[in-house]
Amino acid sequence: MQARHAAHPADLGASDHLRTLADFGTNPGELGAKVYIPNGLSKGAAGVVVLHGCTQNAAGYDHHSGWSQLADEAGFA
């Protein structure tokens, strides 16, 4: 029997539904930000900020946590 290994989040690369958020304020640490905005999002919808850990990336965290799917279902950005 072979062991199955889940892909490391860093190996997942950029997800095509996450867009780069530019010019989000002063950024002395030169951090990057990604955003997911569901199709048909209502004007005035809530925005949720999610932070991943140091050894993760946005695409991997999104893939394993399901935040984008929840945003589609609940109608938030």
PDB file of N, CA and C in Angstrom:
ATOM      1  N   MET A   1       0.853  -1.172   0.000  1.00  0.00           N
ATOM      2  CA  MET A   1       0.000   0.000   0.000  1.00  0.00           C
ATOM      3  C   MET A   1       0.901   1.238   0.000  1.00  0.00           C
ATOM      4  N   GLN A   2       0.597   2.173  -0.868  1.00  0.00           N
ATOM      5  CA  GLN A   2       1.371   3.405  -0.940  1.00  0.00           C
ATOM      6  C   GLN A   2       0.694   4.498  -0.125  1.00  0.00           C
ATOM      7  N   ALA A   3       1.512   5.273   0.540  1.00  0.00           N
ATOM      8  CA  ALA A   3       0.970   6.402   1.297  1.00  0.00           C
ATOM      9  C   ALA A   3       0.555   7.495   0.331  1.00  0.00           C
ATOM     10  N   ARG A   4      -0.540   8.133   0.622  1.00  0.00           N
ATOM     11  CA  ARG A   4      -0.993   9.260  -0.184  1.00  0.00           C
ATOM     12  C   ARG A   4      -0.575  10.538   0.515  1.00  0.00           C
ATOM     13  N   HIS A   5      -0.010  11.436  -0.247  1.00  0.00           N
ATOM     14  CA  HIS A   5       0.436  12.710   0.307  1.00  0.00           C
ATOM     15  C   HIS A   5      -0.357  13.834  -0.335  1.00  0.00           C
ATOM     16  N   ALA A   6      -0.939  14.663   0.505  1.00  0.00           N
ATOM     17  CA  ALA A   6      -1.649  15.837  -0.009  1.00  0.00           C
ATOM     18  C   ALA A   6      -0.629  16.833  -0.534  1.00  0.00           C
ATOM     19  N   ALA A   7      -1.026  17.564  -1.533  1.00  0.00           N
ATOM     20  CA  ALA A   7      -0.146  18.599  -2.083  1.00  0.00           C
ATOM     21  C   ALA A   7       0.118  19.654  -1.021  1.00  0.00           C
ATOM     22  N   HIS A   8       1.359  20.053  -0.914  1.00  0.00           N
ATOM     23  CA  HIS A   8       1.700  21.142  -0.008  1.00  0.00           C
ATOM     24  C   HIS A   8       1.100  22.411  -0.586  1.00  0.00           C
ATOM     25  N   PRO A   9       0.471  23.255   0.253  1.00  0.00           N
ATOM     26  CA  PRO A   9      -0.151  24.474  -0.270  1.00  0.00           C
ATOM     27  C   PRO A   9       0.760  25.305  -1.161  1.00  0.00           C
ATOM     28  N   ALA A  10       2.040  25.355  -0.862  1.00  0.00           N
ATOM     29  CA  ALA A  10       2.953  26.147  -1.687  1.00  0.00           C
ATOM     30  C   ALA A  10       3.101  25.563  -3.080  1.00  0.00           C
ATOM     31  N   ASP A  11       2.809  24.263  -3.234  1.00  0.00           N
ATOM     32  CA  ASP A  11       2.910  23.613  -4.535  1.00  0.00           C
ATOM     33  C   ASP A  11       1.696  23.876  -5.418  1.00  0.00           C
ATOM     34  N   LEU A  12       0.639  24.410  -4.848  1.00  0.00           N
ATOM     35  CA  LEU A  12      -0.596  24.597  -5.603  1.00  0.00           C
ATOM     36  C   LEU A  12      -0.527  25.783  -6.550  1.00  0.00           C
ATOM     37  N   GLY A  13       0.378  26.715  -6.305  1.00  0.00           N
ATOM     38  CA  GLY A  13       0.533  27.861  -7.198  1.00  0.00           C
ATOM     39  C   GLY A  13      -0.635  28.820  -7.104  1.00  0.00           C
ATOM     40  N   ALA A  14      -0.668  29.743  -8.023  1.00  0.00           N
ATOM     41  CA  ALA A  14      -1.728  30.753  -8.035  1.00  0.00           C
ATOM     42  C   ALA A  14      -3.022  30.145  -8.547  1.00  0.00           C
ATOM     43  N   SER A  15      -4.098  30.498  -7.912  1.00  0.00           N
ATOM     44  CA  SER A  15      -5.407  30.025  -8.324  1.00  0.00           C
ATOM     45  C   SER A  15      -6.004  31.047  -9.286  1.00  0.00           C
ATOM     46  N   ASP A  16      -6.628  30.579 -10.354  1.00  0.00           N
ATOM     47  CA  ASP A  16      -7.110  31.505 -11.381  1.00  0.00           C
ATOM     48  C   ASP A  16      -8.287  32.363 -10.940  1.00  0.00           C
ATOM     49  N   HIS A  17      -8.976  32.011  -9.859  1.00  0.00           N
ATOM     50  CA  HIS A  17     -10.101  32.840  -9.426  1.00  0.00           C
ATOM     51  C   HIS A  17      -9.700  33.878  -8.375  1.00  0.00           C
ATOM     52  N   LEU A  18      -8.472  33.831  -7.914  1.00  0.00           N
ATOM     53  CA  LEU A  18      -7.967  34.850  -6.996  1.00  0.00           C
ATOM     54  C   LEU A  18      -7.229  35.909  -7.804  1.00  0.00           C
ATOM     55  N   ARG A  19      -7.579  37.161  -7.573  1.00  0.00           N
ATOM     56  CA  ARG A  19      -6.928  38.251  -8.297  1.00  0.00           C
ATOM     57  C   ARG A  19      -5.984  39.001  -7.366  1.00  0.00           C
ATOM     58  N   THR A  20      -4.910  39.503  -7.926  1.00  0.00           N
ATOM     59  CA  THR A  20      -3.961  40.287  -7.148  1.00  0.00           C
ATOM     60  C   THR A  20      -4.585  41.625  -6.785  1.00  0.00           C
ATOM     61  N   LEU A  21      -4.492  41.978  -5.523  1.00  0.00           N
ATOM     62  CA  LEU A  21      -4.982  43.259  -5.037  1.00  0.00           C
ATOM     63  C   LEU A  21      -3.786  44.194  -4.936  1.00  0.00           C
ATOM     64  N   ALA A  22      -3.803  45.246  -5.718  1.00  0.00           N
ATOM     65  CA  ALA A  22      -2.689  46.198  -5.738  1.00  0.00           C
ATOM     66  C   ALA A  22      -3.096  47.485  -5.030  1.00  0.00           C
ATOM     67  N   ASP A  23      -2.118  48.228  -4.600  1.00  0.00           N
ATOM     68  CA  ASP A  23      -2.359  49.542  -3.998  1.00  0.00           C
ATOM     69  C   ASP A  23      -3.363  49.481  -2.849  1.00  0.00           C
ATOM     70  N   PHE A  24      -3.081  48.621  -1.868  1.00  0.00           N
ATOM     71  CA  PHE A  24      -3.990  48.507  -0.728  1.00  0.00           C
ATOM     72  C   PHE A  24      -3.506  49.292   0.492  1.00  0.00           C
ATOM     73  N   GLY A  25      -2.650  50.263   0.266  1.00  0.00           N
ATOM     74  CA  GLY A  25      -2.175  51.124   1.346  1.00  0.00           C
ATOM     75  C   GLY A  25      -0.673  51.038   1.490  1.00  0.00           C
ATOM     76  N   THR A  26      -0.164  51.689   2.540  1.00  0.00           N
ATOM     77  CA  THR A  26       1.276  51.625   2.772  1.00  0.00           C
ATOM     78  C   THR A  26       1.665  50.175   3.002  1.00  0.00           C
ATOM     79  N   ASN A  27       2.808  49.807   2.492  1.00  0.00           N
ATOM     80  CA  ASN A  27       3.194  48.403   2.519  1.00  0.00           C
ATOM     81  C   ASN A  27       4.707  48.274   2.724  1.00  0.00           C
ATOM     82  N   PRO A  28       5.198  48.658   3.913  1.00  0.00           N
ATOM     83  CA  PRO A  28       6.643  48.620   4.132  1.00  0.00           C
ATOM     84  C   PRO A  28       7.229  47.212   4.070  1.00  0.00           C
ATOM     85  N   GLY A  29       6.432  46.193   4.319  1.00  0.00           N
ATOM     86  CA  GLY A  29       6.913  44.812   4.258  1.00  0.00           C
ATOM     87  C   GLY A  29       6.811  44.199   2.882  1.00  0.00           C
ATOM     88  N   GLU A  30       6.317  44.970   1.912  1.00  0.00           N
ATOM     89  CA  GLU A  30       6.152  44.507   0.535  1.00  0.00           C
ATOM     90  C   GLU A  30       5.359  43.199   0.459  1.00  0.00           C
ATOM     91  N   LEU A  31       4.267  43.144   1.217  1.00  0.00           N
ATOM     92  CA  LEU A  31       3.407  41.971   1.230  1.00  0.00           C
ATOM     93  C   LEU A  31       2.506  41.965   0.007  1.00  0.00           C
ATOM     94  N   GLY A  32       2.038  40.799  -0.378  1.00  0.00           N
ATOM     95  CA  GLY A  32       1.099  40.661  -1.477  1.00  0.00           C
ATOM     96  C   GLY A  32      -0.290  40.384  -0.938  1.00  0.00           C
ATOM     97  N   ALA A  33      -1.299  40.650  -1.729  1.00  0.00           N
ATOM     98  CA  ALA A  33      -2.674  40.386  -1.328  1.00  0.00           C
ATOM     99  C   ALA A  33      -3.441  39.847  -2.526  1.00  0.00           C
ATOM    100  N   LYS A  34      -4.336  38.926  -2.255  1.00  0.00           N
ATOM    101  CA  LYS A  34      -5.217  38.360  -3.275  1.00  0.00           C
ATOM    102  C   LYS A  34      -6.654  38.614  -2.848  1.00  0.00           C
ATOM    103  N   VAL A  35      -7.546  38.698  -3.819  1.00  0.00           N
ATOM    104  CA  VAL A  35      -8.952  38.943  -3.532  1.00  0.00           C
ATOM    105  C   VAL A  35      -9.807  38.011  -4.385  1.00  0.00           C
ATOM    106  N   TYR A  36     -10.918  37.569  -3.798  1.00  0.00           N
ATOM    107  CA  TYR A  36     -11.910  36.791  -4.536  1.00  0.00           C
ATOM    108  C   TYR A  36     -13.225  37.547  -4.441  1.00  0.00           C
ATOM    109  N   ILE A  37     -13.808  37.856  -5.590  1.00  0.00           N
ATOM    110  CA  ILE A  37     -15.096  38.541  -5.640  1.00  0.00           C
ATOM    111  C   ILE A  37     -16.050  37.670  -6.447  1.00  0.00           C
ATOM    112  N   PRO A  38     -17.083  37.130  -5.785  1.00  0.00           N
ATOM    113  CA  PRO A  38     -18.029  36.263  -6.487  1.00  0.00           C
ATOM    114  C   PRO A  38     -18.761  37.003  -7.614  1.00  0.00           C
ATOM    115  N   ASN A  39     -19.140  36.282  -8.637  1.00  0.00           N
ATOM    116  CA  ASN A  39     -19.960  36.852  -9.710  1.00  0.00           C
ATOM    117  C   ASN A  39     -21.293  37.303  -9.130  1.00  0.00           C
ATOM    118  N   GLY A  40     -21.765  38.445  -9.553  1.00  0.00           N
ATOM    119  CA  GLY A  40     -23.063  38.942  -9.114  1.00  0.00           C
ATOM    120  C   GLY A  40     -23.096  39.417  -7.671  1.00  0.00           C
ATOM    121  N   LEU A  41     -21.951  39.763  -7.113  1.00  0.00           N
ATOM    122  CA  LEU A  41     -21.899  40.217  -5.722  1.00  0.00           C
ATOM    123  C   LEU A  41     -22.721  41.494  -5.569  1.00  0.00           C
ATOM    124  N   SER A  42     -23.554  41.542  -4.550  1.00  0.00           N
ATOM    125  CA  SER A  42     -24.407  42.702  -4.301  1.00  0.00           C
ATOM    126  C   SER A  42     -23.597  43.911  -3.872  1.00  0.00           C
ATOM    127  N   LYS A  43     -24.049  45.086  -4.309  1.00  0.00           N
ATOM    128  CA  LYS A  43     -23.416  46.331  -3.868  1.00  0.00           C
ATOM    129  C   LYS A  43     -23.589  46.433  -2.353  1.00  0.00           C
ATOM    130  N   GLY A  44     -22.534  46.796  -1.665  1.00  0.00           N
ATOM    131  CA  GLY A  44     -22.587  46.926  -0.211  1.00  0.00           C
ATOM    132  C   GLY A  44     -22.405  45.617   0.539  1.00  0.00           C
ATOM    133  N   ALA A  45     -22.044  44.554  -0.174  1.00  0.00           N
ATOM    134  CA  ALA A  45     -21.827  43.258   0.482  1.00  0.00           C
ATOM    135  C   ALA A  45     -20.645  43.340   1.439  1.00  0.00           C
ATOM    136  N   ALA A  46     -20.660  42.489   2.431  1.00  0.00           N
ATOM    137  CA  ALA A  46     -19.569  42.440   3.412  1.00  0.00           C
ATOM    138  C   ALA A  46     -18.280  41.952   2.765  1.00  0.00           C
ATOM    139  N   GLY A  47     -17.172  42.369   3.343  1.00  0.00           N
ATOM    140  CA  GLY A  47     -15.858  41.882   2.933  1.00  0.00           C
ATOM    141  C   GLY A  47     -15.227  41.138   4.096  1.00  0.00           C
ATOM    142  N   VAL A  48     -14.641  40.004   3.829  1.00  0.00           N
ATOM    143  CA  VAL A  48     -13.994  39.191   4.859  1.00  0.00           C
ATOM    144  C   VAL A  48     -12.499  39.150   4.563  1.00  0.00           C
ATOM    145  N   VAL A  49     -11.692  39.421   5.565  1.00  0.00           N
ATOM    146  CA  VAL A  49     -10.238  39.359   5.427  1.00  0.00           C
ATOM    147  C   VAL A  49      -9.766  38.063   6.072  1.00  0.00           C
ATOM    148  N   VAL A  50      -9.012  37.277   5.314  1.00  0.00           N
ATOM    149  CA  VAL A  50      -8.492  35.999   5.794  1.00  0.00           C
ATOM    150  C   VAL A  50      -6.974  36.033   5.669  1.00  0.00           C
ATOM    151  N   LEU A  51      -6.282  35.667   6.728  1.00  0.00           N
ATOM    152  CA  LEU A  51      -4.824  35.656   6.731  1.00  0.00           C
ATOM    153  C   LEU A  51      -4.326  34.218   6.810  1.00  0.00           C
ATOM    154  N   HIS A  52      -3.380  33.874   5.950  1.00  0.00           N
ATOM    155  CA  HIS A  52      -2.800  32.531   6.000  1.00  0.00           C
ATOM    156  C   HIS A  52      -1.496  32.567   6.774  1.00  0.00           C
ATOM    157  N   GLY A  53      -1.004  31.400   7.133  1.00  0.00           N
ATOM    158  CA  GLY A  53       0.241  31.295   7.886  1.00  0.00           C
ATOM    159  C   GLY A  53       1.470  31.533   7.030  1.00  0.00           C
ATOM    160  N   CYS A  54       2.597  31.644   7.685  1.00  0.00           N
ATOM    161  CA  CYS A  54       3.865  31.963   7.009  1.00  0.00           C
ATOM    162  C   CYS A  54       4.294  30.916   5.989  1.00  0.00           C
ATOM    163  N   THR A  55       3.942  29.663   6.203  1.00  0.00           N
ATOM    164  CA  THR A  55       4.377  28.610   5.276  1.00  0.00           C
ATOM    165  C   THR A  55       3.308  28.283   4.245  1.00  0.00           C
ATOM    166  N   GLN A  56       2.242  29.076   4.176  1.00  0.00           N
ATOM    167  CA  GLN A  56       1.152  28.855   3.233  1.00  0.00           C
ATOM    168  C   GLN A  56       1.154  29.951   2.177  1.00  0.00           C
ATOM    169  N   ASN A  57       0.288  29.778   1.170  1.00  0.00           N
ATOM    170  CA  ASN A  57       0.044  30.847   0.206  1.00  0.00           C
ATOM    171  C   ASN A  57      -1.463  30.986   0.024  1.00  0.00           C
ATOM    172  N   ALA A  58      -1.883  32.039  -0.643  1.00  0.00           N
ATOM    173  CA  ALA A  58      -3.309  32.329  -0.775  1.00  0.00           C
ATOM    174  C   ALA A  58      -4.062  31.214  -1.490  1.00  0.00           C
ATOM    175  N   ALA A  59      -3.515  30.716  -2.584  1.00  0.00           N
ATOM    176  CA  ALA A  59      -4.203  29.680  -3.358  1.00  0.00           C
ATOM    177  C   ALA A  59      -4.353  28.390  -2.561  1.00  0.00           C
ATOM    178  N   GLY A  60      -3.298  27.974  -1.896  1.00  0.00           N
ATOM    179  CA  GLY A  60      -3.360  26.751  -1.095  1.00  0.00           C
ATOM    180  C   GLY A  60      -4.331  26.878   0.059  1.00  0.00           C
ATOM    181  N   TYR A  61      -4.291  28.007   0.741  1.00  0.00           N
ATOM    182  CA  TYR A  61      -5.195  28.228   1.869  1.00  0.00           C
ATOM    183  C   TYR A  61      -6.639  28.243   1.389  1.00  0.00           C
ATOM    184  N   ASP A  62      -6.897  28.939   0.296  1.00  0.00           N
ATOM    185  CA  ASP A  62      -8.250  28.996  -0.251  1.00  0.00           C
ATOM    186  C   ASP A  62      -8.730  27.608  -0.655  1.00  0.00           C
ATOM    187  N   HIS A  63      -7.879  26.860  -1.315  1.00  0.00           N
ATOM    188  CA  HIS A  63      -8.232  25.515  -1.782  1.00  0.00           C
ATOM    189  C   HIS A  63      -8.635  24.605  -0.623  1.00  0.00           C
ATOM    190  N   HIS A  64      -7.876  24.630   0.444  1.00  0.00           N
ATOM    191  CA  HIS A  64      -8.123  23.715   1.563  1.00  0.00           C
ATOM    192  C   HIS A  64      -9.172  24.219   2.548  1.00  0.00           C
ATOM    193  N   SER A  65      -9.415  25.517   2.594  1.00  0.00           N
ATOM    194  CA  SER A  65     -10.360  26.058   3.570  1.00  0.00           C
ATOM    195  C   SER A  65     -11.769  26.226   3.018  1.00  0.00           C
ATOM    196  N   GLY A  66     -11.896  26.439   1.715  1.00  0.00           N
ATOM    197  CA  GLY A  66     -13.215  26.615   1.114  1.00  0.00           C
ATOM    198  C   GLY A  66     -13.791  28.019   1.225  1.00  0.00           C
ATOM    199  N   TRP A  67     -12.946  29.018   1.504  1.00  0.00           N
ATOM    200  CA  TRP A  67     -13.457  30.377   1.655  1.00  0.00           C
ATOM    201  C   TRP A  67     -14.145  30.895   0.397  1.00  0.00           C
ATOM    202  N   SER A  68     -13.615  30.623  -0.776  1.00  0.00           N
ATOM    203  CA  SER A  68     -14.246  31.119  -2.012  1.00  0.00           C
ATOM    204  C   SER A  68     -15.619  30.499  -2.213  1.00  0.00           C
ATOM    205  N   GLN A  69     -15.736  29.217  -1.938  1.00  0.00           N
ATOM    206  CA  GLN A  69     -17.039  28.557  -2.062  1.00  0.00           C
ATOM    207  C   GLN A  69     -18.028  29.160  -1.068  1.00  0.00           C
ATOM    208  N   LEU A  70     -17.586  29.397   0.154  1.00  0.00           N
ATOM    209  CA  LEU A  70     -18.451  30.013   1.154  1.00  0.00           C
ATOM    210  C   LEU A  70     -18.851  31.426   0.735  1.00  0.00           C
ATOM    211  N   ALA A  71     -17.928  32.171   0.131  1.00  0.00           N
ATOM    212  CA  ALA A  71     -18.243  33.519  -0.359  1.00  0.00           C
ATOM    213  C   ALA A  71     -19.328  33.459  -1.432  1.00  0.00           C
ATOM    214  N   ASP A  72     -19.245  32.463  -2.319  1.00  0.00           N
ATOM    215  CA  ASP A  72     -20.283  32.286  -3.338  1.00  0.00           C
ATOM    216  C   ASP A  72     -21.634  32.002  -2.687  1.00  0.00           C
ATOM    217  N   GLU A  73     -21.636  31.127  -1.697  1.00  0.00           N
ATOM    218  CA  GLU A  73     -22.882  30.708  -1.048  1.00  0.00           C
ATOM    219  C   GLU A  73     -23.487  31.807  -0.180  1.00  0.00           C
ATOM    220  N   ALA A  74     -22.645  32.541   0.549  1.00  0.00           N
ATOM    221  CA  ALA A  74     -23.135  33.521   1.518  1.00  0.00           C
ATOM    222  C   ALA A  74     -23.172  34.953   0.979  1.00  0.00           C
ATOM    223  N   GLY A  75     -22.541  35.198  -0.168  1.00  0.00           N
ATOM    224  CA  GLY A  75     -22.608  36.517  -0.789  1.00  0.00           C
ATOM    225  C   GLY A  75     -21.733  37.580  -0.158  1.00  0.00           C
ATOM    226  N   PHE A  76     -20.493  37.224   0.137  1.00  0.00           N
ATOM    227  CA  PHE A  76     -19.538  38.218   0.619  1.00  0.00           C
ATOM    228  C   PHE A  76     -18.285  38.173  -0.227  1.00  0.00           C
ATOM    229  N   ALA A  77     -17.475  39.225  -0.119  1.00  0.00           N
ATOM    230  CA  ALA A  77     -16.206  39.270  -0.851  1.00  0.00           C
ATOM    231  C   ALA A  77     -15.103  38.828   0.079  1.00  0.00           C
TER     232      ALA A  77
END
